[in-house]
Protein backbone atom coordinates (compact mmCIF):
# COMPACT_ATOMS: atom_id res chain seq x y z
CA MET A 1 -1.78 4.28 -15.75
CA ASN A 2 -4.28 5.40 -13.08
CA GLU A 3 -5.10 9.02 -12.33
CA PRO A 4 -3.12 10.62 -9.47
CA ILE A 5 -4.81 10.56 -6.07
CA LYS A 6 -6.18 13.96 -5.04
CA LEU A 7 -6.29 15.24 -1.49
CA ASP A 8 -9.92 16.34 -1.85
CA GLY A 9 -11.05 13.13 -3.61
CA LYS A 10 -13.23 10.43 -2.08
CA TYR A 11 -11.55 7.02 -1.95
CA LYS A 12 -11.85 3.56 -0.46
CA TYR A 13 -9.54 0.60 -0.27
CA ARG A 14 -10.04 -2.14 -2.84
CA ASN A 15 -11.40 -4.31 0.00
CA GLY A 16 -14.30 -1.83 0.41
CA GLU A 17 -13.12 -0.12 3.60
CA PRO A 18 -13.39 3.68 3.54
CA ALA A 19 -10.05 5.49 3.31
CA ARG A 20 -9.21 9.06 4.20
CA VAL A 21 -6.36 10.59 2.18
CA LEU A 22 -4.08 12.54 4.53
CA CYS A 23 -1.26 13.56 2.20
CA VAL A 24 -0.41 13.38 -1.51
CA ASP A 25 3.00 15.06 -1.55
CA ARG A 26 5.19 13.03 0.79
CA ASN A 27 8.86 13.20 -0.23
CA ASP A 28 9.09 9.52 -1.15
CA GLU A 29 8.11 7.12 -3.96
CA HIS A 30 5.04 6.34 -1.84
CA SER A 31 3.87 9.97 -1.82
CA VAL A 32 0.25 9.27 -0.80
CA VAL A 33 -0.66 8.60 2.83
CA ALA A 34 -4.13 7.32 3.76
CA MET A 35 -5.87 6.17 6.92
CA GLY A 36 -8.48 3.44 7.35
CA GLU A 37 -11.48 3.50 9.69
CA ASP A 38 -9.51 1.76 12.43
CA GLY A 39 -6.69 4.34 12.24
CA THR A 40 -4.29 2.15 10.26
CA ILE A 41 -1.97 4.29 8.13
CA THR A 42 -1.05 3.11 4.62
CA ASN A 43 1.41 4.51 2.09
CA HIS A 44 0.77 4.44 -1.67
CA LEU A 45 2.28 5.36 -5.00
CA PHE A 46 0.97 8.61 -6.56
CA ASP A 47 -1.88 6.70 -8.25
CA GLY A 48 -3.07 4.83 -5.13
CA ILE A 49 -1.27 1.55 -5.75
CA TYR A 50 -0.19 -0.07 -2.48
CA ILE A 51 2.47 -2.43 -3.88
CA LYS A 52 3.93 -1.79 -7.35
CA ASN A 53 2.84 -4.20 -10.12
CA THR A 54 0.27 -6.01 -7.96
CA ILE A 55 -3.44 -5.82 -7.21
CA HIS A 56 -3.77 -5.50 -3.44
CA GLU A 57 -6.67 -5.10 -1.00
CA TYR A 58 -5.16 -1.80 0.21
CA ASP A 59 -5.00 -0.15 -3.24
CA LEU A 60 -6.90 3.15 -3.20
CA ILE A 61 -9.80 3.32 -5.65
CA PRO A 62 -12.38 6.08 -6.21
CA ASP A 63 -15.44 5.79 -3.98
CA VAL A 64 -18.11 6.35 -6.61
CA PRO A 65 -21.73 6.21 -5.44
CA LEU A 66 -23.88 3.55 -7.02
CA TRP A 67 -26.83 4.51 -9.20
CA GLU A 68 -30.22 5.17 -7.63
CA GLY A 69 -33.43 6.45 -9.21
CA ASP A 70 -36.76 5.71 -10.84
CA ILE A 71 -37.19 3.15 -13.61
CA TRP A 72 -40.21 1.68 -15.34
CA VAL A 73 -40.63 -2.11 -15.45
CA HIS A 74 -43.02 -4.28 -17.44
CA PRO A 75 -44.36 -7.67 -16.29
CA GLY A 76 -42.79 -9.12 -19.43
CA GLY A 77 -39.34 -8.13 -18.17
CA ALA A 78 -38.66 -4.94 -20.11
CA VAL A 79 -37.05 -1.98 -18.31
CA CYS A 80 -37.30 1.66 -19.40
CA PRO A 81 -35.62 4.83 -18.10
CA ALA A 82 -37.43 7.40 -16.00
CA LEU A 83 -40.60 8.79 -17.58
CA SER A 84 -39.30 12.33 -17.11
CA ASN A 85 -36.73 11.60 -19.82
CA TYR A 86 -39.53 10.95 -22.33
CA PRO A 87 -42.54 13.11 -21.33
CA ASP A 88 -44.53 12.21 -24.47
CA LEU A 89 -44.66 8.48 -23.66
CA ASN A 90 -47.32 6.96 -21.41
CA TYR A 91 -45.71 3.88 -19.84
CA THR A 92 -48.66 3.21 -17.52
CA SER A 93 -51.09 2.57 -20.40
CA ALA A 94 -48.57 0.13 -21.86
CA GLY A 95 -48.53 -1.95 -18.64
CA TYR A 96 -45.40 -0.53 -17.04
CA ARG A 97 -45.10 0.47 -13.39
CA LYS A 98 -42.62 2.89 -11.85
CA ILE A 99 -40.30 1.58 -9.13
CA GLN A 100 -37.41 3.02 -7.14
CA ALA A 101 -34.23 1.13 -7.98
CA ARG A 102 -30.74 1.06 -6.53
CA GLU A 103 -27.67 -0.58 -8.02
CA VAL A 104 -26.22 -3.09 -5.56
CA GLU A 105 -22.99 -3.93 -7.37
CA GLN A 106 -21.03 -1.69 -9.66
CA CYS A 107 -19.98 -3.16 -13.00
CA GLN A 108 -16.24 -3.26 -13.61
CA SER A 109 -15.38 -2.37 -17.18
């Protein structure tokens, strides 16, 4: 079972479109009301499901930002976390270089 949708939470539709939650306490089985960028209003079950027992493009899912930060890479293909996590190690002398990285697709687990 998914967590209940919260009025102050940040959500998007499963299709990637941003969604603004307008109401979470409607007096109906579909107690959550959301609005898409184009003004389309959608109704959902308490946990953001658009149609019961299905996966649908208008399901509400948390809009979690992707990871962004510094990593150290080696020409041989090894990747290490940010140097600030391990101040005693000198990655540069071992052939590593620091780059700014950004996750482009979130893993689904």
